[in-house]
Amino acid sequence: QVQLVESGGGFVQAGASLRLSCDCSKRTANPYAMAWFRQGPGKEREFVSAFNWPSLKTEYSNTVLGRFTISRDGAKNTVYLQMDSLQPEDTGVYYCAAAAYYVRGAYGASSHLAGDYQSWGQGTQVTVSS
């Protein structure tokens, strides 16, 4: 498994932006996919966005599409989540996750299921006030 460390969370006003970073260490090969999930207060962990290495495709949940952007820096083994137009409902702990191999669905598509990701970071808190 790889080690993932998130950073960049914080407390912001509605409409503001944040950029989360996920540093990936102990990686010997590109993962199949890396994703961001979040868990709001009293809610289940939900898929936010993912980047797929074989296809280079990005995916987003409907709730963040058009506001969030996932990207990677291959030289730094870092994945970013640029979050714009933040809303109070975006509040939660954001987790970075890595899937070492393909599990289900069309090859080149990233799973939206937390159980398909083997490595997880400790999470970073994002709080958006109205």
Foldseek 3Di string as FASTA:
>chain_A
DWAKAKDWADEEAAQAKIKMKIFTPPDPDAAQKKFKWWAAVPGDIWGAKMAGVVQRDIDGDPVQPPFWDWDDDVVRNMIMIIGGRDDQVVWGWMKMFTQRDDDDDDRRDDDGDPVRTDYMYPTDGHGYHD
